[in-house]
Amino acid sequence: MNIYSKRNPPSGYYVYAYLRSKDSQTAKAGTPYYIGKGKGKRAWCYHDTLIPVPKEQHNIVILEHNLTELGAFAIERRMIRWYGRTINNSGILRNRVDGGCGGGMPGKLNGMYGKTHTKEVREKLALQPLKYLKGKTYEEIYGKDRAQKLKQDKSTKLKKFLFNNPTIRKNENNGNAKIYEFITPSNEVIIVKGRLKEFCKENRLECGAVINLLKGRRKEYKGWKAKYLYTLLP
């Protein structure tokens, strides 16, 4: 029996599972909360804050190995369908997509081809980061050094993207712009789509403090309250 680890990964492509270390509201200890496909050290590497890598090595299980990439995709999709996903109330996995090419199978091979998510699923997807971050800062999650590097990388990527796409901004004309609900000190409700910096400047608010307010890191700021709205405006 082979014992795989970050220093001794399986050969070829493989399919792996992350197991729960304790009982939760979703499922019992020992059940998988994530199914993935990888190669090399992938199963032991950081994914994102929604999919934490188990601290105990025995909770990282290699289901199949020495596969072709296509074979790994097929088994990954089959296992995800078997256990189901929490995002669409079909099962116990945290996977956000059905697997296979990262959920991006082309054309009619994609399970979402010609379909759209329901309003309920869109709202649930949008709330996932808040559910697992729980208002924590980057420093609290990753530590000071890693948090600083992540922020710098994110800032560099954003600046590069905006430089290469000067017409794409998060304003009221952008269908992907975020929507905010503000409650003024006088209890007036204001809905804002995009243009967060402009709104803060107009109302003499510090943008960084408002972002902390939106992310739940503080309850109010100068008497203002704010939150993200995930229902799309007409």
Protein backbone atom coordinates (compact mmCIF):
# COMPACT_ATOMS: atom_id res chain seq x y z
CA MET A 1 0.00 0.00 0.00
CA ASN A 2 1.45 3.35 -1.04
CA ILE A 3 1.34 6.23 1.42
CA TYR A 4 1.14 9.43 -0.58
CA SER A 5 2.18 12.86 0.65
CA LYS A 6 3.32 16.24 -0.65
CA ARG A 7 6.84 14.83 -0.94
CA ASN A 8 5.61 11.57 -2.44
CA PRO A 9 2.63 12.38 -4.69
CA PRO A 10 0.88 9.79 -6.88
CA SER A 11 1.99 9.20 -10.45
CA GLY A 12 0.04 10.69 -13.34
CA TYR A 13 -3.28 12.44 -12.87
CA TYR A 14 -5.36 11.45 -9.86
CA VAL A 15 -8.66 12.08 -8.09
CA TYR A 16 -8.63 12.95 -4.40
CA ALA A 17 -11.04 13.66 -1.55
CA TYR A 18 -10.86 15.85 1.57
CA LEU A 19 -12.58 14.23 4.55
CA ARG A 20 -14.27 15.93 7.48
CA SER A 21 -12.39 15.62 10.76
CA LYS A 22 -15.54 16.07 12.87
CA ASP A 23 -19.30 16.01 12.59
CA SER A 24 -20.97 19.08 11.11
CA GLN A 25 -24.50 20.21 10.28
CA THR A 26 -23.92 18.96 6.73
CA ALA A 27 -22.49 15.48 7.34
CA LYS A 28 -20.60 13.24 9.76
CA ALA A 29 -16.86 12.93 10.34
CA GLY A 30 -15.10 10.79 7.76
CA THR A 31 -17.35 11.90 4.88
CA PRO A 32 -15.85 13.95 2.01
CA TYR A 33 -16.40 17.70 1.79
CA TYR A 34 -14.45 18.15 -1.45
CA ILE A 35 -13.57 16.02 -4.49
CA GLY A 36 -10.82 17.19 -6.83
CA LYS A 37 -8.61 16.19 -9.71
CA GLY A 38 -4.90 16.90 -9.71
CA LYS A 39 -1.35 16.08 -10.64
CA GLY A 40 1.84 16.31 -8.62
CA LYS A 41 1.34 18.14 -5.28
CA ARG A 42 -2.11 19.55 -6.08
CA ALA A 43 -3.99 17.67 -3.34
CA TRP A 44 -1.71 19.14 -0.66
CA CYS A 45 -1.67 22.72 -1.97
CA TYR A 46 -3.82 25.74 -1.08
CA HIS A 47 -7.12 26.06 -2.99
CA ASP A 48 -9.03 28.96 -1.45
CA THR A 49 -10.66 29.91 1.84
CA LEU A 50 -13.81 27.95 0.97
CA ILE A 51 -11.89 24.69 0.45
CA PRO A 52 -9.35 24.37 3.28
CA VAL A 53 -6.75 21.61 2.97
CA PRO A 54 -7.11 19.13 5.89
CA LYS A 55 -4.47 19.53 8.57
CA GLU A 56 -4.44 15.78 9.25
CA GLN A 57 -2.78 13.92 6.39
CA HIS A 58 -5.07 10.90 6.78
CA ASN A 59 -8.00 13.10 5.77
CA ILE A 60 -6.47 13.57 2.29
CA VAL A 61 -7.46 10.44 0.38
CA ILE A 62 -6.29 9.48 -3.11
CA LEU A 63 -9.27 7.74 -4.73
CA GLU A 64 -7.69 6.85 -8.10
CA HIS A 65 -4.25 7.53 -9.55
CA ASN A 66 -2.06 6.94 -12.61
CA LEU A 67 -4.87 8.25 -14.83
CA THR A 68 -4.99 10.24 -18.04
CA GLU A 69 -6.32 13.77 -17.64
CA LEU A 70 -9.55 12.83 -19.41
CA GLY A 71 -9.98 9.78 -17.18
CA ALA A 72 -9.40 11.90 -14.05
CA PHE A 73 -12.03 14.42 -15.22
CA ALA A 74 -14.57 11.62 -15.78
CA ILE A 75 -14.04 10.05 -12.33
CA GLU A 76 -14.08 13.47 -10.62
CA ARG A 77 -17.45 14.31 -12.21
CA ARG A 78 -18.87 10.89 -11.33
CA MET A 79 -17.82 11.20 -7.65
CA ILE A 80 -19.22 14.74 -7.37
CA ARG A 81 -22.54 13.58 -8.83
CA TRP A 82 -22.54 10.64 -6.38
CA TYR A 83 -22.06 12.76 -3.23
CA GLY A 84 -23.85 15.89 -4.48
CA ARG A 85 -23.09 19.53 -3.70
CA THR A 86 -24.27 21.80 -0.88
CA ILE A 87 -24.56 24.80 -3.20
CA ASN A 88 -27.54 23.32 -5.03
CA ASN A 89 -28.83 21.26 -2.07
CA SER A 90 -28.03 17.98 -3.82
CA GLY A 91 -25.47 16.62 -1.33
CA ILE A 92 -22.56 17.19 1.04
CA LEU A 93 -19.65 18.52 -1.06
CA ARG A 94 -18.45 22.14 -1.11
CA ASN A 95 -17.53 21.89 -4.79
CA ARG A 96 -18.95 24.88 -6.63
CA VAL A 97 -19.08 23.14 -10.02
CA ASP A 98 -19.72 19.63 -11.32
CA GLY A 99 -16.03 19.00 -12.05
CA GLY A 100 -14.33 18.18 -15.33
CA CYS A 101 -12.16 20.95 -16.86
CA GLY A 102 -12.91 23.06 -13.80
CA GLY A 103 -16.59 23.00 -14.70
CA GLY A 104 -15.77 24.63 -18.03
CA MET A 105 -16.49 21.85 -20.53
CA PRO A 106 -17.09 23.42 -23.94
CA GLY A 107 -20.48 23.74 -25.62
CA LYS A 108 -23.04 20.98 -25.08
CA LEU A 109 -20.53 18.99 -23.01
CA ASN A 110 -21.04 21.56 -20.25
CA GLY A 111 -23.82 20.64 -17.86
CA MET A 112 -24.91 24.30 -17.72
CA TYR A 113 -25.10 24.68 -21.51
CA GLY A 114 -28.18 26.74 -22.38
CA LYS A 115 -29.15 27.05 -18.69
CA THR A 116 -28.89 29.71 -16.01
CA HIS A 117 -28.67 29.42 -12.23
CA THR A 118 -31.84 30.17 -10.30
CA LYS A 119 -32.03 33.34 -8.24
CA GLU A 120 -31.70 31.24 -5.06
CA VAL A 121 -28.49 29.55 -6.26
CA ARG A 122 -26.96 32.89 -7.40
CA GLU A 123 -27.60 34.42 -3.98
CA LYS A 124 -26.16 31.35 -2.25
CA LEU A 125 -23.01 31.48 -4.40
CA ALA A 126 -22.56 35.14 -3.60
CA LEU A 127 -22.88 34.56 0.15
CA GLN A 128 -20.42 31.64 0.30
CA PRO A 129 -17.30 33.78 0.88
CA LEU A 130 -19.00 35.64 3.76
CA LYS A 131 -20.12 32.33 5.28
CA TYR A 132 -16.59 30.97 5.59
CA LEU A 133 -14.61 34.20 6.09
CA LYS A 134 -17.00 35.34 8.86
CA GLY A 135 -15.70 38.91 8.76
CA LYS A 136 -12.07 37.94 9.30
CA THR A 137 -9.22 39.97 7.82
CA TYR A 138 -6.57 38.56 5.49
CA GLU A 139 -4.07 38.80 8.36
CA GLU A 140 -6.28 36.70 10.65
CA ILE A 141 -6.73 34.02 7.99
CA TYR A 142 -3.27 33.81 6.40
CA GLY A 143 -0.85 35.54 8.78
CA LYS A 144 0.83 38.91 8.24
CA ASP A 145 3.47 37.93 5.65
CA ARG A 146 1.23 35.85 3.39
CA ALA A 147 -1.61 38.39 3.68
CA GLN A 148 0.71 41.17 2.49
CA LYS A 149 1.84 39.11 -0.51
CA LEU A 150 -1.74 38.16 -1.44
CA LYS A 151 -2.84 41.80 -1.28
CA GLN A 152 0.08 42.90 -3.45
CA ASP A 153 -0.61 40.16 -6.01
CA LYS A 154 -4.29 41.02 -6.10
CA SER A 155 -3.55 44.73 -6.52
CA THR A 156 -1.04 44.08 -9.31
CA LYS A 157 -3.46 41.82 -11.20
CA LEU A 158 -6.29 44.35 -10.86
CA LYS A 159 -4.15 47.24 -12.08
CA LYS A 160 -2.97 45.17 -15.05
CA PHE A 161 -6.52 44.13 -15.89
CA LEU A 162 -7.86 47.69 -15.72
CA PHE A 163 -4.93 48.96 -17.79
CA ASN A 164 -5.65 46.38 -20.51
CA ASN A 165 -9.43 46.95 -20.28
CA PRO A 166 -9.90 50.69 -19.70
CA THR A 167 -13.61 50.60 -20.52
CA ILE A 168 -14.43 47.98 -17.87
CA ARG A 169 -15.24 49.64 -14.56
CA LYS A 170 -17.61 48.80 -11.79
CA ASN A 171 -20.15 51.54 -12.48
CA GLU A 172 -23.89 51.71 -12.97
CA ASN A 173 -23.52 50.78 -16.66
CA ASN A 174 -21.69 47.54 -15.89
CA GLY A 175 -23.98 44.53 -15.53
CA ASN A 176 -21.44 42.86 -13.22
CA ALA A 177 -21.13 45.83 -10.85
CA LYS A 178 -21.67 45.10 -7.16
CA ILE A 179 -24.80 46.40 -5.47
CA TYR A 180 -24.70 47.98 -2.01
CA GLU A 181 -27.34 48.97 0.51
CA PHE A 182 -26.43 51.91 2.76
CA ILE A 183 -28.36 53.12 5.79
CA THR A 184 -27.57 56.71 6.69
CA PRO A 185 -27.33 58.01 10.28
CA SER A 186 -30.88 59.31 9.77
CA ASN A 187 -32.08 55.78 8.78
CA GLU A 188 -32.51 56.61 5.11
CA VAL A 189 -31.90 53.60 2.82
CA ILE A 190 -29.75 54.20 -0.27
CA ILE A 191 -29.12 51.56 -2.96
CA VAL A 192 -25.89 52.01 -4.92
CA LYS A 193 -24.76 50.04 -7.96
CA GLY A 194 -21.02 50.27 -8.57
CA ARG A 195 -19.27 53.65 -8.16
CA LEU A 196 -18.36 52.90 -4.51
CA LYS A 197 -15.38 55.27 -4.46
CA GLU A 198 -17.45 58.13 -5.87
CA PHE A 199 -20.21 57.49 -3.34
CA CYS A 200 -17.72 57.53 -0.45
CA LYS A 201 -16.16 60.75 -1.72
CA GLU A 202 -19.55 62.44 -2.10
CA ASN A 203 -20.48 61.53 1.49
CA ARG A 204 -17.02 62.17 3.02
CA LEU A 205 -16.50 58.53 3.96
CA GLU A 206 -13.22 56.62 3.99
CA CYS A 207 -13.48 53.92 1.31
CA GLY A 208 -11.38 51.42 3.30
CA ALA A 209 -13.60 51.81 6.36
CA VAL A 210 -16.72 51.34 4.22
CA ILE A 211 -15.28 48.14 2.71
CA ASN A 212 -14.66 46.82 6.24
CA LEU A 213 -18.27 47.71 7.01
CA LEU A 214 -19.51 45.81 3.95
CA LYS A 215 -17.43 42.76 4.85
CA GLY A 216 -18.79 42.64 8.39
CA ARG A 217 -15.53 43.63 10.11
CA ARG A 218 -17.29 46.52 11.85
CA LYS A 219 -20.96 47.16 12.69
CA GLU A 220 -21.13 50.83 11.74
CA TYR A 221 -19.02 53.75 10.62
CA LYS A 222 -19.85 57.38 11.41
CA GLY A 223 -23.41 56.25 12.05
CA TRP A 224 -23.62 54.55 8.63
CA LYS A 225 -24.48 50.89 8.08
CA ALA A 226 -23.92 48.96 4.86
CA LYS A 227 -24.16 45.53 3.29
CA TYR A 228 -23.88 43.83 -0.09
CA LEU A 229 -27.08 43.16 -1.98
CA TYR A 230 -27.05 40.00 -4.08
CA THR A 231 -30.39 40.43 -5.81
CA LEU A 232 -29.91 42.00 -9.23
CA LEU A 233 -31.50 45.35 -9.92
CA PRO A 234 -33.64 45.65 -13.07
